């Protein structure tokens, strides 16, 4: 897995692109991104979790490729009669005759943006949806049909009615009777949910040997609404979440459901999502079974209670259609793919993952923090000479993000302290005394030590002296004045560097006007965080690691 990780997404008529979630440069620039196609209209993408070089890229009308993003070599792997090993077992002469009567040369139909997933149990296994569900165990070199036609196969949805070949592409963009969403249970290999564009919801518990349509158990939804997403639970085999999108049918109601019994019953969980918010995606958190996220026509919502109530999460996210949501399994970022406003990342959703009922009932709480990184600064150069309209994507903030929850308004300011294990180097700060979740960004610098305070004061006296003789007198007493204050090795090293600097006073030293006292930088390691609220102290630890590129250089 790349570190920092990369994000991939499709653009209309502009293939699929990928770029870093952060850079070691001052910003994320356009030239950090690369086209990885080939797909024309860029579609879904999936990254091999064991080999970041392998990315599966979807394109229009069911095109599918396996791409090496390092060499840009690719292989077309869309299923057809030649690479589907059990084609003759499923596709009869009657099926071929029916397809030809409806204007098709192939028995397979594909959505303009056909869904596919990498199995959570084997990265070489991929499931791909047309009107059938396909499975490969060799990364797409060969396919097997593991389902019959799972759509309703209605003539009005699947027949090319246009009379001229030039207009067929209009029908192809809206090809009916196809799979629109696939989800395999992380708990049970071969337990697969499938939804179609004409309203079917199928389940197989034996990797396609048998299928059951559970759509009739979903209450209240018009029969042929587009199934926009189905999400198998990461925690219970029989649990799944289901969303319908009715905007193509002039139905703008949010439709979201949950089952806990393999689809035998479904309960609506969309009551607090506003009307006209068509739901395009719902996902379950990877660590907290109660935490859900939903992407709608206008916003992102989250639920802390499995959909009983929802809260809008946009913050600075523009009002835009959210077509995809992904949680990064290592970094805990929430990544949103929008329709027309690019890719947005909510850095580190750990506080939401840990916001349980127990935490909500407390006076205060410090959330566990993910490791912070001391990234190197590696600038590409020339970023100040590229014009005023240069796009600058935001990097995540550098530093350690410390999140806390305050349940009731404190009587006075909240004090936060970050210290090394020995307790000598520390950073103390006051943080907002307000209820809710708060984040403090520690820049990985400590407060000045008593030695640094005195050193700063001494250097200021030397600079402000009226004569060279007065400076020499101050310098002659530096050792006796400061040496007794040294406690740690870092102070000793700084003291020796200062003595070398004072041996020859340069004009640059004299005319430097630095009014800021600097503390020591924190090295990679573990540090203690303490938060004082109403006389009670809450504590946790944070970890700083060095830039992972340094580990590669040593290999």
Protein backbone atom coordinates (compact mmCIF):
# COMPACT_ATOMS: atom_id res chain seq x y z
CA UNK A 1 0.00 0.00 0.00
CA UNK A 2 1.44 3.34 -1.02
CA UNK A 3 2.41 5.79 1.67
CA UNK A 4 1.03 8.38 1.26
CA UNK A 5 -1.80 6.59 -0.49
CA UNK A 6 -3.07 7.53 -3.96
CA UNK A 7 -6.62 8.26 -5.08
CA UNK A 8 -8.09 7.31 -8.46
CA UNK A 9 -11.22 8.57 -10.17
CA UNK A 10 -12.96 8.73 -13.52
CA UNK A 11 -13.79 11.85 -15.52
CA UNK A 12 -16.28 12.25 -18.34
CA UNK A 13 -14.50 11.95 -21.72
CA UNK A 14 -11.17 12.24 -19.90
CA UNK A 15 -10.32 8.71 -18.79
CA UNK A 16 -9.22 7.73 -15.28
CA UNK A 17 -6.66 9.73 -13.32
CA UNK A 18 -4.71 9.06 -10.16
CA UNK A 19 -2.74 11.21 -7.76
CA UNK A 20 -1.37 11.37 -4.22
CA UNK A 21 -3.56 12.14 -1.22
CA UNK A 22 -0.71 14.36 -0.04
CA UNK A 23 2.68 15.43 -1.38
CA UNK A 24 6.01 16.45 0.13
CA UNK A 25 5.67 19.64 -1.90
CA UNK A 26 3.95 22.82 -0.71
CA UNK A 27 0.65 21.77 -2.35
CA UNK A 28 -0.89 19.10 -4.53
CA UNK A 29 -0.50 20.35 -8.11
CA UNK A 30 -2.05 19.16 -11.35
CA UNK A 31 1.25 17.69 -12.46
CA UNK A 32 1.25 15.35 -9.46
CA UNK A 33 -1.69 13.60 -11.16
CA UNK A 34 -1.43 11.13 -14.03
CA UNK A 35 -3.85 9.68 -16.56
CA UNK A 36 -3.87 5.92 -16.23
CA UNK A 37 -6.76 5.03 -18.69
CA UNK A 38 -7.61 3.71 -21.17
CA UNK A 39 -11.32 4.23 -20.67
CA UNK A 40 -12.60 7.34 -22.56
CA UNK A 41 -15.40 8.01 -20.10
CA UNK A 42 -13.64 7.17 -16.84
CA UNK A 43 -15.53 4.76 -14.61
CA UNK A 44 -14.97 2.77 -11.45
CA UNK A 45 -11.49 1.91 -10.20
CA UNK A 46 -10.17 -0.66 -7.74
CA UNK A 47 -6.62 -0.89 -6.38
CA UNK A 48 -5.08 -4.26 -5.53
CA UNK A 49 -4.59 -4.00 -1.73
CA UNK A 50 -1.44 -6.15 -1.93
CA UNK A 51 0.17 -4.48 -4.97
CA UNK A 52 -0.37 -0.77 -5.46
CA UNK A 53 0.94 -1.00 -9.03
CA UNK A 54 -2.13 -2.99 -10.11
CA UNK A 55 -5.26 -0.91 -10.66
CA UNK A 56 -8.45 -2.08 -12.36
CA UNK A 57 -10.03 0.61 -14.51
CA UNK A 58 -13.59 0.69 -15.79
CA UNK A 59 -14.81 2.58 -18.81
CA UNK A 60 -17.90 3.14 -20.86
CA UNK A 61 -20.19 0.29 -21.87
CA UNK A 62 -18.47 -2.29 -19.69
CA UNK A 63 -14.88 -1.76 -20.79
CA UNK A 64 -12.47 -3.06 -18.15
CA UNK A 65 -8.67 -2.97 -18.03
CA UNK A 66 -5.94 -4.05 -15.64
CA UNK A 67 -3.28 -1.34 -15.49
CA UNK A 68 0.26 -1.24 -14.12
CA UNK A 69 0.30 2.36 -12.94
CA UNK A 70 4.09 2.36 -12.70
CA UNK A 71 4.78 1.34 -16.31
CA UNK A 72 1.34 2.41 -17.72
CA UNK A 73 1.01 -0.95 -19.44
CA UNK A 74 -2.52 -2.30 -19.56
CA UNK A 75 -4.51 -5.37 -20.57
CA UNK A 76 -8.16 -5.28 -21.69
CA UNK A 77 -10.04 -7.87 -19.62
CA UNK A 78 -13.72 -7.29 -20.37
CA UNK A 79 -15.60 -10.62 -20.36
CA UNK A 80 -16.65 -11.98 -23.75
CA UNK A 81 -17.29 -15.31 -25.43
CA UNK A 82 -13.57 -15.98 -25.88
CA UNK A 83 -12.40 -15.50 -22.28
CA UNK A 84 -15.50 -16.78 -20.45
CA UNK A 85 -14.66 -20.42 -19.80
CA UNK A 86 -18.23 -21.61 -19.15
CA UNK A 87 -19.94 -19.52 -21.84
CA UNK A 88 -21.73 -22.50 -23.43
CA UNK A 89 -23.10 -23.68 -20.09
CA UNK A 90 -25.10 -20.46 -19.64
CA UNK A 91 -25.67 -18.97 -23.08
CA UNK A 92 -28.13 -21.00 -25.14
CA UNK A 93 -29.25 -20.55 -28.74
CA UNK A 94 -32.56 -19.18 -27.47
CA UNK A 95 -30.76 -16.49 -25.47
CA UNK A 96 -28.68 -15.52 -28.50
CA UNK A 97 -31.79 -15.40 -30.70
CA UNK A 98 -33.60 -13.20 -28.19
CA UNK A 99 -30.65 -10.81 -27.96
CA UNK A 100 -30.42 -10.46 -31.73
CA UNK A 101 -34.14 -9.77 -31.93
CA UNK A 102 -33.55 -6.91 -29.47
CA UNK A 103 -30.68 -5.47 -31.50
CA UNK A 104 -27.67 -6.97 -29.72
CA UNK A 105 -24.80 -8.99 -31.16
CA UNK A 106 -23.77 -10.30 -27.72
CA UNK A 107 -25.70 -12.04 -24.96
CA UNK A 108 -24.03 -9.74 -22.47
CA UNK A 109 -25.28 -6.26 -21.58
CA UNK A 110 -23.25 -3.79 -19.57
CA UNK A 111 -24.08 -0.49 -17.89
CA UNK A 112 -22.25 2.56 -19.16
CA UNK A 113 -20.36 2.50 -15.85
CA UNK A 114 -20.32 -1.20 -14.97
CA UNK A 115 -19.58 -2.10 -11.33
CA UNK A 116 -16.80 -4.42 -10.23
CA UNK A 117 -15.11 -5.24 -6.93
CA UNK A 118 -11.96 -6.97 -5.74
CA UNK A 119 -12.84 -9.76 -3.32
CA UNK A 120 -11.94 -8.86 0.27
CA UNK A 121 -10.74 -12.46 0.66
CA UNK A 122 -8.41 -12.79 -2.35
CA UNK A 123 -6.96 -9.86 -4.34
CA UNK A 124 -6.73 -12.00 -7.50
CA UNK A 125 -10.50 -12.52 -7.44
CA UNK A 126 -12.65 -9.88 -9.12
CA UNK A 127 -16.43 -9.77 -9.56
CA UNK A 128 -17.79 -7.86 -12.56
CA UNK A 129 -21.40 -6.99 -13.30
CA UNK A 130 -23.26 -7.02 -16.62
CA UNK A 131 -26.66 -8.59 -16.91
CA UNK A 132 -24.85 -11.60 -15.42
CA UNK A 133 -22.31 -11.63 -12.61
CA UNK A 134 -18.82 -12.65 -13.73
CA UNK A 135 -15.98 -13.95 -11.56
CA UNK A 136 -12.26 -14.23 -12.25
CA UNK A 137 -9.62 -15.80 -10.03
CA UNK A 138 -6.65 -14.81 -12.22
CA UNK A 139 -7.07 -11.01 -12.30
CA UNK A 140 -9.28 -11.00 -15.39
CA UNK A 141 -7.39 -13.25 -17.76
CA UNK A 142 -10.29 -15.70 -17.66
CA UNK A 143 -13.88 -15.34 -16.43
CA UNK A 144 -16.69 -17.57 -15.25
CA UNK A 145 -20.38 -16.79 -15.31
CA UNK A 146 -21.70 -17.38 -11.80
CA UNK A 147 -25.28 -16.22 -12.28
CA UNK A 148 -28.11 -16.22 -14.77
CA UNK A 149 -29.41 -12.90 -16.06
CA UNK A 150 -30.18 -11.16 -12.75
CA UNK A 151 -32.22 -8.36 -14.29
CA UNK A 152 -35.91 -8.48 -15.08
CA UNK A 153 -34.88 -8.68 -18.75
CA UNK A 154 -37.90 -6.63 -19.79
CA UNK A 155 -38.08 -5.96 -23.56
CA UNK A 156 -38.88 -2.27 -23.01
CA UNK A 157 -35.59 -1.84 -21.11
CA UNK A 158 -33.34 -4.10 -23.12
CA UNK A 159 -34.41 -3.59 -26.75
CA UNK A 160 -32.63 -1.20 -29.09
CA UNK A 161 -35.56 0.66 -30.58
CA UNK A 162 -33.58 3.22 -32.57
CA UNK A 163 -33.54 2.64 -36.31
CA UNK A 164 -30.14 4.09 -37.20
CA UNK A 165 -26.76 2.80 -35.99
CA UNK A 166 -25.76 6.39 -35.19
CA UNK A 167 -28.40 6.55 -32.49
CA UNK A 168 -27.56 3.21 -30.90
CA UNK A 169 -24.98 4.89 -28.66
CA UNK A 170 -27.86 6.80 -27.08
CA UNK A 171 -29.40 3.50 -26.07
CA UNK A 172 -26.05 2.11 -24.94
CA UNK A 173 -25.53 4.91 -22.43
CA UNK A 174 -28.77 3.86 -20.80
CA UNK A 175 -28.54 0.11 -21.37
CA UNK A 176 -31.23 -1.48 -19.26
CA UNK A 177 -31.42 -4.73 -17.37
CA UNK A 178 -27.91 -4.65 -15.86
CA UNK A 179 -26.18 -4.95 -12.51
CA UNK A 180 -25.41 -1.61 -10.86
CA UNK A 181 -23.88 -2.61 -7.52
CA UNK A 182 -22.00 -5.61 -6.07
CA UNK A 183 -20.86 -6.38 -2.53
CA UNK A 184 -19.18 -9.48 -1.13
CA UNK A 185 -19.35 -10.03 2.61
CA UNK A 186 -15.97 -9.51 4.32
CA UNK A 187 -17.21 -12.05 6.86
CA UNK A 188 -18.00 -14.91 4.49
CA UNK A 189 -16.41 -15.69 1.09
CA UNK A 190 -19.00 -16.22 -1.61
CA UNK A 191 -21.78 -14.36 0.22
CA UNK A 192 -22.56 -11.80 -2.47
CA UNK A 193 -25.23 -9.14 -2.81
CA UNK A 194 -26.19 -7.71 -6.20
CA UNK A 195 -28.55 -4.88 -7.22
CA UNK A 196 -29.78 -3.97 -10.70
CA UNK A 197 -30.98 -0.88 -12.51
CA UNK A 198 -34.52 -2.29 -12.75
CA UNK A 199 -34.97 -2.86 -9.03
CA UNK A 200 -33.84 -6.44 -8.36
CA UNK A 201 -31.86 -7.31 -5.21
CA UNK A 202 -30.23 -10.72 -5.27
CA UNK A 203 -28.26 -12.71 -2.70
CA UNK A 204 -26.10 -15.80 -3.03
CA UNK A 205 -24.51 -17.51 -0.05
CA UNK A 206 -22.61 -20.10 -2.11
CA UNK A 207 -20.64 -18.05 -4.63
CA UNK A 208 -23.33 -18.13 -7.28
CA UNK A 209 -24.49 -21.74 -7.12
CA UNK A 210 -27.94 -20.54 -6.03
CA UNK A 211 -29.51 -17.09 -6.03
CA UNK A 212 -32.50 -15.59 -4.23
CA UNK A 213 -34.28 -12.36 -5.18
CA UNK A 214 -35.13 -10.60 -1.89
CA UNK A 215 -36.51 -7.44 -3.52
CA UNK A 216 -40.11 -8.25 -2.60
CA UNK A 217 -39.19 -7.97 1.10
CA UNK A 218 -38.21 -4.30 0.77
CA UNK A 219 -41.26 -2.23 1.82
CA UNK A 220 -42.68 0.81 0.09
CA UNK A 221 -40.25 1.28 -2.81
CA UNK A 222 -41.64 1.40 -6.37
CA UNK A 223 -40.80 -1.85 -8.10
CA UNK A 224 -38.31 -0.77 -10.75
CA UNK A 225 -36.22 1.89 -9.02
CA UNK A 226 -32.48 1.85 -9.68
CA UNK A 227 -30.51 0.08 -6.93
CA UNK A 228 -27.71 2.58 -6.33
CA UNK A 229 -25.74 0.72 -3.67
CA UNK A 230 -25.69 -2.38 -1.52
CA UNK A 231 -23.15 -2.74 1.27
CA UNK A 232 -22.44 -6.01 3.06
CA UNK A 233 -21.64 -5.52 6.72
CA UNK A 234 -18.08 -5.90 7.96
CA UNK A 235 -19.33 -7.25 11.28
CA UNK A 236 -22.34 -9.55 10.74
CA UNK A 237 -22.87 -12.00 7.88
CA UNK A 238 -26.60 -11.44 7.57
CA UNK A 239 -26.49 -7.66 7.73
CA UNK A 240 -26.46 -5.40 4.68
CA UNK A 241 -27.42 -1.85 3.75
CA UNK A 242 -29.36 -0.96 0.62
CA UNK A 243 -30.02 2.31 -1.24
CA UNK A 244 -32.30 3.11 -4.18
CA UNK A 245 -31.98 6.13 -6.46
CA UNK A 246 -35.27 7.26 -8.01
CA UNK A 247 -34.27 10.50 -9.72
CA UNK A 248 -34.44 8.85 -13.17
CA UNK A 249 -38.08 8.04 -12.38
CA UNK A 250 -38.95 11.51 -11.06
CA UNK A 251 -38.83 10.12 -7.52
CA UNK A 252 -36.52 12.16 -5.31
CA UNK A 253 -37.22 10.50 -1.98
CA UNK A 254 -34.24 9.08 -0.05
CA UNK A 255 -34.55 5.30 0.10
CA UNK A 256 -32.17 3.53 2.51
CA UNK A 257 -32.76 0.16 4.20
CA UNK A 258 -31.07 -2.32 6.52
CA UNK A 259 -31.43 -6.08 6.86
CA UNK A 260 -30.07 -8.26 9.64
CA UNK A 261 -31.47 -11.58 8.42
CA UNK A 262 -30.00 -12.08 4.92
CA UNK A 263 -32.69 -9.97 3.27
CA UNK A 264 -35.75 -11.69 4.69
CA UNK A 265 -36.84 -8.41 6.25
CA UNK A 266 -35.76 -4.82 5.60
CA UNK A 267 -36.29 -1.73 7.75
CA UNK A 268 -36.13 1.84 6.50
CA UNK A 269 -33.30 3.94 7.98
CA UNK A 270 -33.74 7.11 5.93
CA UNK A 271 -36.34 8.99 7.97
CA UNK A 272 -34.01 11.82 9.01
CA UNK A 273 -32.39 12.32 5.60
CA UNK A 274 -34.11 15.35 4.00
CA UNK A 275 -36.50 14.88 1.10
CA UNK A 276 -35.11 15.37 -2.44
CA UNK A 277 -31.78 13.97 -1.24
CA UNK A 278 -31.55 10.99 -3.59
CA UNK A 279 -29.07 8.53 -2.07
CA UNK A 280 -26.26 7.34 -4.33
CA UNK A 281 -24.02 5.54 -1.86
CA UNK A 282 -24.14 4.13 1.66
CA UNK A 283 -21.17 2.56 3.45
CA UNK A 284 -20.53 1.04 6.85
CA UNK A 285 -17.48 2.07 8.84
CA UNK A 286 -14.61 -0.41 8.96
CA UNK A 287 -14.17 -0.24 12.76
CA UNK A 288 -17.46 0.87 14.30
CA UNK A 289 -20.59 -1.12 13.32
CA UNK A 290 -22.86 1.73 14.44
CA UNK A 291 -21.22 4.32 12.15
CA UNK A 292 -22.65 4.77 8.65
CA UNK A 293 -22.03 7.31 5.89
CA UNK A 294 -24.36 8.22 3.02
CA UNK A 295 -23.73 10.28 -0.09
CA UNK A 296 -26.72 12.07 -1.63
CA UNK A 297 -27.48 14.50 -4.43
CA UNK A 298 -26.42 17.41 -2.21
CA UNK A 299 -24.35 16.29 0.78
CA UNK A 300 -22.63 13.69 2.94
CA UNK A 301 -24.45 12.42 6.03
CA UNK A 302 -23.27 10.25 8.92
CA UNK A 303 -25.13 8.19 11.50
CA UNK A 304 -23.83 7.07 14.88
CA UNK A 305 -26.72 4.64 15.47
CA UNK A 306 -26.96 2.53 12.32
CA UNK A 307 -29.27 4.91 10.52
CA UNK A 308 -31.79 5.81 13.19
CA UNK A 309 -30.68 9.44 12.89
CA UNK A 310 -28.45 11.18 10.35
CA UNK A 311 -26.34 14.35 10.58
CA UNK A 312 -25.03 16.42 7.68
CA UNK A 313 -21.24 16.34 7.46
CA UNK A 314 -20.42 18.81 4.70
CA UNK A 315 -18.39 21.42 6.64
CA UNK A 316 -16.45 23.10 3.79
CA UNK A 317 -17.56 20.52 1.21
CA UNK A 318 -19.58 22.28 -1.52
CA UNK A 319 -23.19 21.40 -2.22
CA UNK A 320 -22.66 18.69 -4.81
CA UNK A 321 -23.74 15.17 -5.72
CA UNK A 322 -21.71 12.54 -3.85
CA UNK A 323 -21.39 9.47 -6.04
CA UNK A 324 -18.77 7.53 -4.07
CA UNK A 325 -17.51 7.23 -0.49
CA UNK A 326 -14.49 5.18 0.57
CA UNK A 327 -12.78 4.80 3.95
CA UNK A 328 -9.05 4.24 3.70
CA UNK A 329 -8.33 1.09 5.73
CA UNK A 330 -4.98 2.28 7.09
CA UNK A 331 -5.29 6.05 7.41
CA UNK A 332 -8.99 6.28 8.39
CA UNK A 333 -9.65 9.06 5.88
CA UNK A 334 -13.11 9.45 4.36
CA UNK A 335 -12.76 10.01 0.61
CA UNK A 336 -15.65 11.44 -1.40
CA UNK A 337 -16.01 11.32 -5.18
CA UNK A 338 -18.28 14.10 -6.43
CA UNK A 339 -20.07 14.77 -9.69
CA UNK A 340 -18.24 17.79 -11.04
CA UNK A 341 -16.33 19.13 -8.02
CA UNK A 342 -13.42 16.72 -7.83
CA UNK A 343 -12.27 14.48 -4.98
CA UNK A 344 -12.50 15.58 -1.36
CA UNK A 345 -10.89 13.97 1.69
CA UNK A 346 -11.97 14.29 5.32
CA UNK A 347 -8.73 13.58 7.18
CA UNK A 348 -8.88 10.98 9.95
CA UNK A 349 -12.42 10.07 11.01
CA UNK A 350 -11.09 8.32 14.15
CA UNK A 351 -13.13 10.60 16.46
CA UNK A 352 -16.37 9.55 14.75
CA UNK A 353 -15.30 5.90 14.89
CA UNK A 354 -14.74 6.18 18.64
CA UNK A 355 -17.78 8.36 19.42
CA UNK A 356 -19.76 5.68 21.23
CA UNK A 357 -22.66 6.13 23.65
CA UNK A 358 -20.20 5.67 26.49
CA UNK A 359 -18.06 8.54 25.24
CA UNK A 360 -21.09 10.76 24.67
CA UNK A 361 -22.15 10.27 28.30
CA UNK A 362 -18.80 11.42 29.72
CA UNK A 363 -17.71 14.87 30.83
CA UNK A 364 -14.67 14.76 28.55
CA UNK A 365 -12.67 12.33 26.45
CA UNK A 366 -9.42 12.22 24.45
CA UNK A 367 -9.71 10.18 21.26
CA UNK A 368 -6.88 7.92 20.24
CA UNK A 369 -4.81 9.62 17.54
CA UNK A 370 -3.43 7.97 14.45
CA UNK A 371 0.38 8.15 14.06
CA UNK A 372 1.68 11.44 12.72
CA UNK A 373 4.49 11.66 10.18
CA UNK A 374 7.44 14.03 9.94
CA UNK A 375 7.25 14.38 6.18
CA UNK A 376 10.31 15.56 4.29
CA UNK A 377 10.02 18.77 2.29
CA UNK A 378 10.71 18.01 -1.38
CA UNK A 379 9.61 20.84 -3.64
CA UNK A 380 9.30 20.37 -7.40
CA UNK A 381 10.32 23.99 -7.95
CA UNK A 382 8.93 26.74 -10.16
CA UNK A 383 5.54 26.73 -8.43
CA UNK A 384 5.75 30.50 -8.11
CA UNK A 385 6.18 30.95 -11.87
CA UNK A 386 3.19 29.04 -13.21
CA UNK A 387 0.64 31.86 -13.37
CA UNK A 388 -2.12 33.11 -11.14
CA UNK A 389 -4.57 30.39 -12.14
CA UNK A 390 -2.36 27.56 -10.96
CA UNK A 391 -4.44 24.89 -9.20
CA UNK A 392 -3.22 24.18 -5.68
CA UNK A 393 -4.84 21.24 -3.92
CA UNK A 394 -4.55 21.24 -0.16
CA UNK A 395 -2.18 18.92 1.63
CA UNK A 396 -3.31 17.58 4.99
CA UNK A 397 -1.94 19.73 7.82
CA UNK A 398 1.54 18.85 9.07
CA UNK A 399 1.60 17.86 12.71
CA UNK A 400 -0.13 15.70 15.28
CA UNK A 401 -3.93 16.01 15.31
CA UNK A 402 -5.28 15.60 18.85
CA UNK A 403 -9.06 15.26 19.07
CA UNK A 404 -11.18 15.57 22.17
CA UNK A 405 -14.83 15.49 23.15
CA UNK A 406 -16.36 17.85 25.72
CA UNK A 407 -19.75 16.73 27.02
CA UNK A 408 -20.67 19.74 29.16
CA UNK A 409 -19.39 23.30 29.26
CA UNK A 410 -16.30 23.44 31.52
CA UNK A 411 -16.02 25.91 34.35
CA UNK A 412 -12.74 27.31 32.99
CA UNK A 413 -10.28 26.93 30.13
CA UNK A 414 -9.15 23.46 29.16
CA UNK A 415 -5.44 22.84 29.43
CA UNK A 416 -3.68 20.49 27.02
CA UNK A 417 -0.14 19.23 27.57
CA UNK A 418 2.00 17.07 25.25
CA UNK A 419 5.23 15.80 26.79
CA UNK A 420 8.01 13.34 26.14
CA UNK A 421 8.02 10.27 28.35
CA UNK A 422 10.70 11.77 30.63
CA UNK A 423 8.50 14.84 31.07
CA UNK A 424 11.17 17.52 30.53
CA UNK A 425 10.21 18.63 27.02
CA UNK A 426 6.57 19.61 26.83
CA UNK A 427 4.02 21.74 25.03
CA UNK A 428 1.24 23.44 27.01
CA UNK A 429 -1.72 25.19 25.45
CA UNK A 430 -5.29 26.24 26.22
CA UNK A 431 -7.97 24.80 23.94
CA UNK A 432 -11.64 25.83 23.44
CA UNK A 433 -13.85 25.25 26.47
CA UNK A 434 -16.89 24.38 24.36
CA UNK A 435 -19.02 21.30 24.06
CA UNK A 436 -18.60 18.98 21.08
CA UNK A 437 -15.66 17.49 19.19
CA UNK A 438 -12.53 19.61 18.83
CA UNK A 439 -9.20 19.16 17.11
CA UNK A 440 -5.88 20.65 18.10
CA UNK A 441 -2.97 20.56 15.64
CA UNK A 442 0.36 20.22 17.42
CA UNK A 443 3.15 21.41 15.15
CA UNK A 444 5.57 18.92 16.76
CA UNK A 445 7.46 21.71 18.55
CA UNK A 446 7.89 21.95 22.32
CA UNK A 447 7.80 25.06 24.47
CA UNK A 448 11.26 26.53 25.11
CA UNK A 449 13.08 24.99 28.09
CA UNK A 450 14.57 27.17 30.89
CA UNK A 451 17.91 26.82 29.12
CA UNK A 452 16.45 28.02 25.83
CA UNK A 453 14.72 30.93 27.57
CA UNK A 454 18.01 32.09 29.06
CA UNK A 455 19.91 31.47 25.81
CA UNK A 456 17.42 33.58 23.87
CA UNK A 457 17.64 36.33 26.44
CA UNK A 458 21.45 36.26 26.31
CA UNK A 459 21.60 36.44 22.52
CA UNK A 460 19.21 39.38 22.52
CA UNK A 461 21.46 41.18 25.02
CA UNK A 462 24.48 40.60 22.79
CA UNK A 463 22.68 41.95 19.73
CA UNK A 464 21.41 45.01 21.61
CA UNK A 465 24.77 45.87 23.25
CA UNK A 466 26.01 49.41 22.60
CA UNK A 467 29.61 48.47 21.81
CA UNK A 468 31.88 45.56 20.88
CA UNK A 469 33.46 45.74 24.33
CA UNK A 470 30.09 45.30 26.00
CA UNK A 471 29.39 42.33 23.73
CA UNK A 472 32.69 40.69 24.65
CA UNK A 473 31.89 41.05 28.33
CA UNK A 474 28.51 39.35 27.89
CA UNK A 475 30.05 36.57 25.78
CA UNK A 476 32.79 35.92 28.34
CA UNK A 477 30.15 35.08 30.92
CA UNK A 478 28.01 32.89 28.65
CA UNK A 479 29.46 29.57 29.77
CA UNK A 480 29.05 30.19 33.50
CA UNK A 481 25.60 31.68 32.91
CA UNK A 482 24.13 28.92 30.75
CA UNK A 483 26.06 25.70 31.31
CA UNK A 484 24.44 25.06 34.69
CA UNK A 485 20.97 25.11 33.06
CA UNK A 486 21.72 22.24 30.65
CA UNK A 487 19.62 19.15 31.38
CA UNK A 488 19.44 17.12 28.18
CA UNK A 489 21.81 16.30 25.33
CA UNK A 490 19.94 18.51 22.88
CA UNK A 491 20.64 21.53 25.07
CA UNK A 492 24.31 20.63 25.24
CA UNK A 493 24.52 20.38 21.45
CA UNK A 494 22.74 23.70 21.03
CA UNK A 495 25.08 25.30 23.58
CA UNK A 496 28.20 24.10 21.74
CA UNK A 497 26.81 25.38 18.42
CA UNK A 498 26.12 28.77 20.04
CA UNK A 499 29.66 29.04 21.42
CA UNK A 500 31.08 28.40 17.93
CA UNK A 501 28.77 31.06 16.54
CA UNK A 502 29.85 33.59 19.18
CA UNK A 503 33.55 33.00 18.55
CA UNK A 504 33.33 35.28 15.52
CA UNK A 505 30.48 37.78 15.58
CA UNK A 506 29.24 38.27 12.03
CA UNK A 507 27.16 41.20 10.76
CA UNK A 508 24.47 38.68 9.87
CA UNK A 509 24.25 37.65 13.52
CA UNK A 510 24.11 41.23 14.74
CA UNK A 511 21.38 42.39 12.39
CA UNK A 512 19.17 39.36 12.78
CA UNK A 513 16.00 40.40 14.58
CA UNK A 514 14.36 37.17 15.72
CA UNK A 515 11.82 37.90 18.42
CA UNK A 516 10.50 34.34 18.63
CA UNK A 517 11.69 31.85 21.15
CA UNK A 518 11.93 28.42 19.55
CA UNK A 519 11.49 25.16 21.38
CA UNK A 520 13.00 21.86 20.28
CA UNK A 521 11.37 19.82 17.54
CA UNK A 522 9.86 16.51 18.56
CA UNK A 523 11.71 13.47 17.26
CA UNK A 524 9.96 10.28 16.06
CA UNK A 525 8.69 8.43 19.12
CA UNK A 526 5.84 8.24 21.61
CA UNK A 527 4.52 11.17 23.62
CA UNK A 528 2.01 11.60 26.45
CA UNK A 529 -1.06 13.82 26.04
CA UNK A 530 -2.84 15.16 29.11
CA UNK A 531 -6.04 17.20 29.12
CA UNK A 532 -7.24 18.95 32.26
CA UNK A 533 -10.98 19.60 32.53
CA UNK A 534 -12.54 20.88 35.77
CA UNK A 535 -9.63 19.53 37.79
CA UNK A 536 -9.72 16.07 36.25
CA UNK A 537 -6.89 14.86 34.01
CA UNK A 538 -7.50 12.70 30.93
CA UNK A 539 -4.49 11.13 29.22
CA UNK A 540 -3.47 9.21 26.14
CA UNK A 541 -0.41 8.77 23.94
CA UNK A 542 0.47 9.94 20.42
CA UNK A 543 3.12 8.58 18.09
CA UNK A 544 5.32 10.39 15.60
CA UNK A 545 7.05 8.40 12.87
CA UNK A 546 9.65 9.48 10.37
CA UNK A 547 8.94 9.81 6.66
CA UNK A 548 8.54 6.27 5.25
CA UNK A 549 10.69 7.23 2.25
CA UNK A 550 13.67 7.13 4.60
CA UNK A 551 12.98 3.49 5.38
CA UNK A 552 13.14 2.67 1.66
CA UNK A 553 16.44 4.51 1.28
CA UNK A 554 18.00 2.30 3.97
CA UNK A 555 16.86 -0.95 2.33
